[in-house]
C-alpha atoms as a PDB file:
ATOM      1  CA  PHE A   1      74.868 103.387 122.517  1.00  0.00           C
ATOM      2  CA  GLY A   2      75.573  99.880 123.155  1.00  0.00           C
ATOM      3  CA  GLY A   3      74.823  97.762 125.984  1.00  0.00           C
ATOM      4  CA  LYS A   4      75.646  94.180 126.676  1.00  0.00           C
ATOM      5  CA  GLY A   5      73.920  91.489 124.351  1.00  0.00           C
ATOM      6  CA  SER A   6      74.303  89.979 121.002  1.00  0.00           C
ATOM      7  CA  ASP A   7      71.744  91.814 118.881  1.00  0.00           C
ATOM      8  CA  PRO A   8      72.311  94.046 116.490  1.00  0.00           C
ATOM      9  CA  GLY A   9      73.576  97.579 118.307  1.00  0.00           C
ATOM     10  CA  LYS A  10      74.506  95.503 121.289  1.00  0.00           C
ATOM     11  CA  PHE A  11      78.102  94.457 122.602  1.00  0.00           C
ATOM     12  CA  ASN A  12      80.028  91.533 124.566  1.00  0.00           C
ATOM     13  CA  ARG A  13      83.160  93.023 125.605  1.00  0.00           C
ATOM     14  CA  PRO A  14      83.684  95.837 122.818  1.00  0.00           C
ATOM     15  CA  ARG A  15      87.501  96.539 122.629  1.00  0.00           C
ATOM     16  CA  GLY A  16      89.280  98.683 119.765  1.00  0.00           C
ATOM     17  CA  VAL A  17      87.496 101.208 118.238  1.00  0.00           C
ATOM     18  CA  ALA A  18      88.178 103.227 114.792  1.00  0.00           C
ATOM     19  CA  VAL A  19      86.469 105.984 112.940  1.00  0.00           C
ATOM     20  CA  SER A  20      86.608 106.285 109.267  1.00  0.00           C
ATOM     21  CA  PRO A  21      87.085 109.737 107.222  1.00  0.00           C
ATOM     22  CA  LYS A  22      83.079 109.014 106.398  1.00  0.00           C
ATOM     23  CA  SER A  23      82.850 109.225 110.052  1.00  0.00           C
ATOM     24  CA  GLU A  24      81.543 105.471 110.191  1.00  0.00           C
ATOM     25  CA  ILE A  25      82.550 104.150 114.005  1.00  0.00           C
ATOM     26  CA  PHE A  26      83.997 100.885 113.825  1.00  0.00           C
ATOM     27  CA  VAL A  27      83.702  98.803 117.063  1.00  0.00           C
ATOM     28  CA  ALA A  28      85.746  95.196 117.514  1.00  0.00           C
ATOM     29  CA  ASP A  29      82.694  93.622 119.224  1.00  0.00           C
ATOM     30  CA  ARG A  30      85.260  90.871 120.635  1.00  0.00           C
ATOM     31  CA  ASP A  31      82.919  87.952 122.308  1.00  0.00           C
ATOM     32  CA  ASN A  32      80.112  88.596 119.622  1.00  0.00           C
ATOM     33  CA  ARG A  33      83.167  87.983 116.779  1.00  0.00           C
ATOM     34  CA  ARG A  34      82.267  90.609 114.856  1.00  0.00           C
ATOM     35  CA  ILE A  35      82.860  94.244 113.787  1.00  0.00           C
ATOM     36  CA  GLN A  36      79.865  96.446 114.369  1.00  0.00           C
ATOM     37  CA  VAL A  37      79.573  99.682 112.058  1.00  0.00           C
ATOM     38  CA  HIS A  38      77.683 102.939 113.623  1.00  0.00           C
ATOM     39  CA  ASN A  39      77.141 106.292 112.391  1.00  0.00           C
ATOM     40  CA  MET A  40      78.044 109.328 114.583  1.00  0.00           C
ATOM     41  CA  LYS A  41      74.636 108.978 116.343  1.00  0.00           C
ATOM     42  CA  GLY A  42      75.641 105.635 117.407  1.00  0.00           C
ATOM     43  CA  GLU A  43      72.922 103.875 115.176  1.00  0.00           C
ATOM     44  CA  THR A  44      74.085 100.564 113.476  1.00  0.00           C
ATOM     45  CA  ILE A  45      74.493 100.588 110.074  1.00  0.00           C
ATOM     46  CA  ARG A  46      75.902  96.861 109.374  1.00  0.00           C
ATOM     47  CA  GLN A  47      77.998  93.798 110.929  1.00  0.00           C
ATOM     48  CA  ILE A  48      81.078  92.479 109.542  1.00  0.00           C
ATOM     49  CA  PRO A  49      81.725  88.947 110.791  1.00  0.00           C
ATOM     50  CA  THR A  50      85.099  88.106 111.246  1.00  0.00           C
ATOM     51  CA  THR A  51      85.390  84.948 109.507  1.00  0.00           C
ATOM     52  CA  VAL A  52      88.564  82.937 109.027  1.00  0.00           C
ATOM     53  CA  PRO A  53      89.992  82.727 105.508  1.00  0.00           C
ATOM     54  CA  GLY A  54      89.504  79.422 104.132  1.00  0.00           C
ATOM     55  CA  GLN A  55      87.337  78.105 107.391  1.00  0.00           C
ATOM     56  CA  GLU A  56      84.276  80.341 106.931  1.00  0.00           C
ATOM     57  CA  ASN A  57      82.552  78.395 109.435  1.00  0.00           C
ATOM     58  CA  LEU A  58      85.260  79.830 112.002  1.00  0.00           C
ATOM     59  CA  THR A  59      85.321  83.141 113.181  1.00  0.00           C
ATOM     60  CA  MET A  60      88.048  84.926 115.414  1.00  0.00           C
ATOM     61  CA  ARG A  61      86.986  87.186 118.294  1.00  0.00           C
ATOM     62  CA  PRO A  62      88.605  91.134 117.299  1.00  0.00           C
ATOM     63  CA  ASP A  63      90.653  92.647 119.551  1.00  0.00           C
ATOM     64  CA  ASP A  64      91.445  95.571 117.764  1.00  0.00           C
ATOM     65  CA  ILE A  65      90.992  97.651 114.538  1.00  0.00           C
ATOM     66  CA  ALA A  66      92.597 100.131 112.549  1.00  0.00           C
ATOM     67  CA  ILE A  67      91.834 101.884 109.073  1.00  0.00           C
ATOM     68  CA  ASP A  68      94.638 102.823 106.620  1.00  0.00           C
ATOM     69  CA  GLY A  69      95.106 105.299 103.864  1.00  0.00           C
ATOM     70  CA  ASN A  70      92.897 103.122 101.469  1.00  0.00           C
ATOM     71  CA  ASP A  71      90.116 102.614 104.032  1.00  0.00           C
ATOM     72  CA  LEU A  72      90.649  99.139 104.785  1.00  0.00           C
ATOM     73  CA  LEU A  73      90.389  97.703 107.795  1.00  0.00           C
ATOM     74  CA  TRP A  74      93.085  95.709 109.603  1.00  0.00           C
ATOM     75  CA  ILE A  75      91.934  93.568 112.284  1.00  0.00           C
ATOM     76  CA  VAL A  76      93.699  91.530 114.853  1.00  0.00           C
ATOM     77  CA  GLY A  77      92.282  89.110 116.969  1.00  0.00           C
ATOM     78  CA  SER A  78      91.984  85.680 118.721  1.00  0.00           C
ATOM     79  CA  ASP A  79      93.126  83.294 116.135  1.00  0.00           C
ATOM     80  CA  TRP A  80      96.532  84.997 116.207  1.00  0.00           C
ATOM     81  CA  SER A  81      96.604  86.782 112.669  1.00  0.00           C
ATOM     82  CA  THR A  82      95.726  89.928 111.394  1.00  0.00           C
ATOM     83  CA  GLU A  83      92.938  90.109 108.789  1.00  0.00           C
ATOM     84  CA  ILE A  84      92.197  92.891 106.266  1.00  0.00           C
ATOM     85  CA  PHE A  85      88.729  93.744 105.262  1.00  0.00           C
ATOM     86  CA  ARG A  86      86.821  96.493 102.850  1.00  0.00           C
ATOM     87  CA  PRO A  87      84.621  98.642 104.947  1.00  0.00           C
ATOM     88  CA  ASP A  88      81.684  97.207 103.250  1.00  0.00           C
ATOM     89  CA  GLY A  89      82.677  93.799 105.149  1.00  0.00           C
ATOM     90  CA  TYR A  90      84.378  92.088 102.182  1.00  0.00           C
ATOM     91  CA  GLN A  91      87.248  90.043 103.293  1.00  0.00           C
ATOM     92  CA  LEU A  92      90.551  90.358 101.338  1.00  0.00           C
ATOM     93  CA  ARG A  93      93.573  88.758 102.974  1.00  0.00           C
ATOM     94  CA  ARG A  94      95.054  87.338 106.116  1.00  0.00           C
ATOM     95  CA  VAL A  95      98.583  88.213 107.004  1.00  0.00           C
ATOM     96  CA  GLY A  96     100.927  87.591 109.828  1.00  0.00           C
ATOM     97  CA  ILE A  97     100.972  83.670 110.327  1.00  0.00           C
ATOM     98  CA  ASN A  98     104.446  83.161 108.483  1.00  0.00           C
ATOM     99  CA  GLN A  99     106.045  85.925 110.234  1.00  0.00           C
ATOM    100  CA  GLY A 100     106.545  84.675 113.910  1.00  0.00           C
ATOM    101  CA  MET A 101     103.524  86.417 115.419  1.00  0.00           C
ATOM    102  CA  VAL A 102     101.950  84.248 118.173  1.00  0.00           C
ATOM    103  CA  ALA A 103      99.499  86.311 119.711  1.00  0.00           C
ATOM    104  CA  PRO A 104      98.488  89.625 118.054  1.00  0.00           C
ATOM    105  CA  MET A 105      96.613  92.089 120.010  1.00  0.00           C
ATOM    106  CA  PHE A 106      96.772  95.593 118.999  1.00  0.00           C
ATOM    107  CA  VAL A 107      97.256  97.572 115.726  1.00  0.00           C
ATOM    108  CA  THR A 108      98.084 100.846 114.545  1.00  0.00           C
ATOM    109  CA  LEU A 109      99.297 102.949 111.213  1.00  0.00           C
ATOM    110  CA  ASP A 110     102.538 104.792 110.925  1.00  0.00           C
ATOM    111  CA  LYS A 111     103.081 107.870 109.006  1.00  0.00           C
ATOM    112  CA  GLU A 112     103.551 105.863 106.003  1.00  0.00           C
ATOM    113  CA  ASP A 113     100.500 103.813 106.263  1.00  0.00           C
ATOM    114  CA  ASN A 114     102.639 100.665 107.142  1.00  0.00           C
ATOM    115  CA  ILE A 115     100.990  98.517 109.552  1.00  0.00           C
ATOM    116  CA  LEU A 116     102.366  97.839 113.084  1.00  0.00           C
ATOM    117  CA  VAL A 117     101.018  95.027 115.208  1.00  0.00           C
ATOM    118  CA  SER A 118     102.000  94.232 118.882  1.00  0.00           C
ATOM    119  CA  ASP A 119     102.125  90.777 120.062  1.00  0.00           C
ATOM    120  CA  TYR A 120     102.299  89.790 123.213  1.00  0.00           C
ATOM    121  CA  GLY A 121     103.251  86.000 122.508  1.00  0.00           C
ATOM    122  CA  THR A 122     106.669  87.190 121.420  1.00  0.00           C
ATOM    123  CA  HIS A 123     106.778  90.427 123.473  1.00  0.00           C
ATOM    124  CA  SER A 124     107.493  92.410 120.079  1.00  0.00           C
ATOM    125  CA  VAL A 125     106.105  94.663 117.544  1.00  0.00           C
ATOM    126  CA  TYR A 126     105.580  93.656 114.086  1.00  0.00           C
ATOM    127  CA  ALA A 127     105.689  96.075 111.271  1.00  0.00           C
ATOM    128  CA  TYR A 128     104.130  95.294 107.581  1.00  0.00           C
ATOM    129  CA  ASP A 129     103.713  97.266 104.563  1.00  0.00           C
ATOM    130  CA  GLN A 130     100.390  97.758 102.657  1.00  0.00           C
ATOM    131  CA  GLU A 131     100.615  94.145 100.684  1.00  0.00           C
ATOM    132  CA  GLY A 132     101.225  92.659 104.210  1.00  0.00           C
ATOM    133  CA  THR A 133     105.001  92.052 103.747  1.00  0.00           C
ATOM    134  CA  PHE A 134     106.974  91.843 106.950  1.00  0.00           C
ATOM    135  CA  LEU A 135     109.345  94.828 107.052  1.00  0.00           C
ATOM    136  CA  PHE A 136     111.002  94.460 110.722  1.00  0.00           C
ATOM    137  CA  LYS A 137     110.248  93.984 114.297  1.00  0.00           C
ATOM    138  CA  PHE A 138     111.389  95.172 117.342  1.00  0.00           C
ATOM    139  CA  GLY A 139     111.320  94.436 121.227  1.00  0.00           C
ATOM    140  CA  GLY A 140     111.835  91.066 122.706  1.00  0.00           C
ATOM    141  CA  TYR A 141     111.159  89.579 126.259  1.00  0.00           C
ATOM    142  CA  GLY A 142     112.753  91.324 129.018  1.00  0.00           C
ATOM    143  CA  SER A 143     113.138  94.618 130.912  1.00  0.00           C
ATOM    144  CA  GLY A 144     116.443  96.065 129.805  1.00  0.00           C
ATOM    145  CA  VAL A 145     116.516  98.964 127.153  1.00  0.00           C
ATOM    146  CA  GLY A 146     114.516  98.252 123.940  1.00  0.00           C
ATOM    147  CA  GLN A 147     113.136  95.251 125.484  1.00  0.00           C
ATOM    148  CA  LEU A 148     109.127  94.800 126.220  1.00  0.00           C
ATOM    149  CA  LYS A 149     107.025  92.313 128.342  1.00  0.00           C
ATOM    150  CA  ASP A 150     103.460  91.642 127.064  1.00  0.00           C
ATOM    151  CA  PRO A 151     103.184  94.925 124.796  1.00  0.00           C
ATOM    152  CA  ARG A 152      99.511  96.031 124.513  1.00  0.00           C
ATOM    153  CA  GLY A 153      98.770  99.497 123.107  1.00  0.00           C
ATOM    154  CA  ILE A 154     100.777 101.235 120.390  1.00  0.00           C
ATOM    155  CA  CYS A 155     100.385 104.450 118.505  1.00  0.00           C
ATOM    156  CA  VAL A 156     102.629 106.841 116.426  1.00  0.00           C
ATOM    157  CA  ASP A 157     103.109 110.390 117.738  1.00  0.00           C
ATOM    158  CA  SER A 158     103.174 113.700 115.181  1.00  0.00           C
ATOM    159  CA  SER A 159     106.810 112.861 114.784  1.00  0.00           C
ATOM    160  CA  GLY A 160     106.459 109.253 113.344  1.00  0.00           C
ATOM    161  CA  ASN A 161     107.680 107.941 116.607  1.00  0.00           C
ATOM    162  CA  ILE A 162     106.282 104.552 118.104  1.00  0.00           C
ATOM    163  CA  ILE A 163     104.994 104.401 121.488  1.00  0.00           C
ATOM    164  CA  VAL A 164     104.164 101.246 122.976  1.00  0.00           C
ATOM    165  CA  ALA A 165     102.459 100.175 126.144  1.00  0.00           C
ATOM    166  CA  ASP A 166     104.875  97.951 127.846  1.00  0.00           C
ATOM    167  CA  PHE A 167     102.299  96.421 130.174  1.00  0.00           C
ATOM    168  CA  GLY A 168     104.445  94.030 131.952  1.00  0.00           C
ATOM    169  CA  ASN A 169     107.022  96.294 132.536  1.00  0.00           C
ATOM    170  CA  LYS A 170     104.726  98.900 133.765  1.00  0.00           C
ATOM    171  CA  ARG A 171     106.210 101.639 131.584  1.00  0.00           C
ATOM    172  CA  LEU A 172     105.730 103.439 128.148  1.00  0.00           C
ATOM    173  CA  GLU A 173     108.547 103.189 125.841  1.00  0.00           C
ATOM    174  CA  MET A 174     109.503 105.138 122.799  1.00  0.00           C
ATOM    175  CA  PHE A 175     111.111 103.968 119.631  1.00  0.00           C
ATOM    176  CA  THR A 176     111.766 105.724 116.091  1.00  0.00           C
ATOM    177  CA  ASN A 177     109.568 104.648 112.895  1.00  0.00           C
ATOM    178  CA  ARG A 178     112.040 102.125 112.294  1.00  0.00           C
ATOM    179  CA  GLY A 179     111.824 100.396 115.862  1.00  0.00           C
ATOM    180  CA  LYS A 180     115.219 101.798 117.285  1.00  0.00           C
ATOM    181  CA  PHE A 181     114.859 102.626 120.850  1.00  0.00           C
ATOM    182  CA  LEU A 182     114.809 106.215 121.822  1.00  0.00           C
ATOM    183  CA  ARG A 183     113.790 106.567 125.401  1.00  0.00           C
ATOM    184  CA  HIS A 184     111.764 105.977 128.170  1.00  0.00           C
ATOM    185  CA  VAL A 185     108.450 107.886 128.650  1.00  0.00           C
ATOM    186  CA  THR A 186     107.161 107.209 131.814  1.00  0.00           C
ATOM    187  CA  ASP A 187     106.388 104.638 134.499  1.00  0.00           C
ATOM    188  CA  SER A 188     102.756 103.719 135.144  1.00  0.00           C
ATOM    189  CA  THR A 189     101.039 103.355 138.288  1.00  0.00           C
ATOM    190  CA  GLY A 190      99.387 100.412 136.845  1.00  0.00           C
ATOM    191  CA  ARG A 191      99.648  98.377 133.912  1.00  0.00           C
ATOM    192  CA  PRO A 192      99.199 100.278 130.699  1.00  0.00           C
ATOM    193  CA  ASP A 193      97.021  98.707 128.011  1.00  0.00           C
ATOM    194  CA  GLY A 194      95.459 100.894 125.383  1.00  0.00           C
ATOM    195  CA  ILE A 195      97.196 104.051 124.153  1.00  0.00           C
ATOM    196  CA  ALA A 196      96.569 107.101 121.905  1.00  0.00           C
ATOM    197  CA  VAL A 197      97.877 110.493 120.954  1.00  0.00           C
ATOM    198  CA  GLY A 198      95.372 113.473 121.337  1.00  0.00           C
ATOM    199  CA  PRO A 199      95.174 116.200 118.756  1.00  0.00           C
ATOM    200  CA  ASP A 200      97.648 118.312 120.911  1.00  0.00           C
ATOM    201  CA  GLY A 201     100.218 116.055 121.385  1.00  0.00           C
ATOM    202  CA  GLN A 202      98.693 114.525 124.647  1.00  0.00           C
ATOM    203  CA  LEU A 203      99.062 110.894 125.498  1.00  0.00           C
ATOM    204  CA  VAL A 204      96.060 109.175 126.805  1.00  0.00           C
ATOM    205  CA  VAL A 205      96.483 105.693 128.372  1.00  0.00           C
ATOM    206  CA  THR A 206      94.023 103.206 129.662  1.00  0.00           C
ATOM    207  CA  GLU A 207      95.527 101.041 132.482  1.00  0.00           C
ATOM    208  CA  TRP A 208      94.425  97.571 133.818  1.00  0.00           C
ATOM    209  CA  ASN A 209      93.636  99.028 137.279  1.00  0.00           C
ATOM    210  CA  HIS A 210      90.111 100.418 135.826  1.00  0.00           C
ATOM    211  CA  THR A 211      91.773 103.987 135.403  1.00  0.00           C
ATOM    212  CA  ALA A 212      92.786 106.187 132.522  1.00  0.00           C
ATOM    213  CA  SER A 213      95.647 109.119 132.378  1.00  0.00           C
ATOM    214  CA  ILE A 214      96.235 111.872 130.047  1.00  0.00           C
ATOM    215  CA  ILE A 215      99.692 112.967 129.807  1.00  0.00           C
ATOM    216  CA  PRO A 216     100.096 116.608 128.563  1.00  0.00           C
ATOM    217  CA  SER A 217     103.911 116.405 127.554  1.00  0.00           C
ATOM    218  CA  TYR A 218     106.356 113.832 127.309  1.00  0.00           C
END
């Protein structure tokens, strides 16, 4: 389903995607400045304009989306913030502006339903609780142990460890659930962008060179 365009059901640079417990597919339709919602047949159900709180005439370009345990949508995008919506499109609040983020790009959830956001502007990953309260951050610019350079995708494995696509350093890095560096996972042949954990523990990585890799064990 999809195809390029701005009509309902069409996309203009779709990026992040998430599936709800109700089997609704939420797609970050970046350059159309909206979230599109589809059923499992690919049929369009509704659209959610990604408006900027307090500036309803403005909209953000959504880059990524995650769904928490309360079915709330956590969306990061081009206005350098993280916005929280109900599944019906009602906007609840905005977080991240006062915690030092500059350019958030990817978002995921940990085992405690805390929100993890990668920020390529500060080369760090930020963690928030369900109220949007800042918890901690880790990373920082560099190529040394525990440092990141332009971090992109993030995911959490079955042990609760955080794995980061370290785009600028062409590698995957593993941290504890509190952001302490654990180990280097693997080097990348390209620049790793998106990352996800498969049902059997595999890592699936998309790369800047238009390829995807499956890492069966790490």
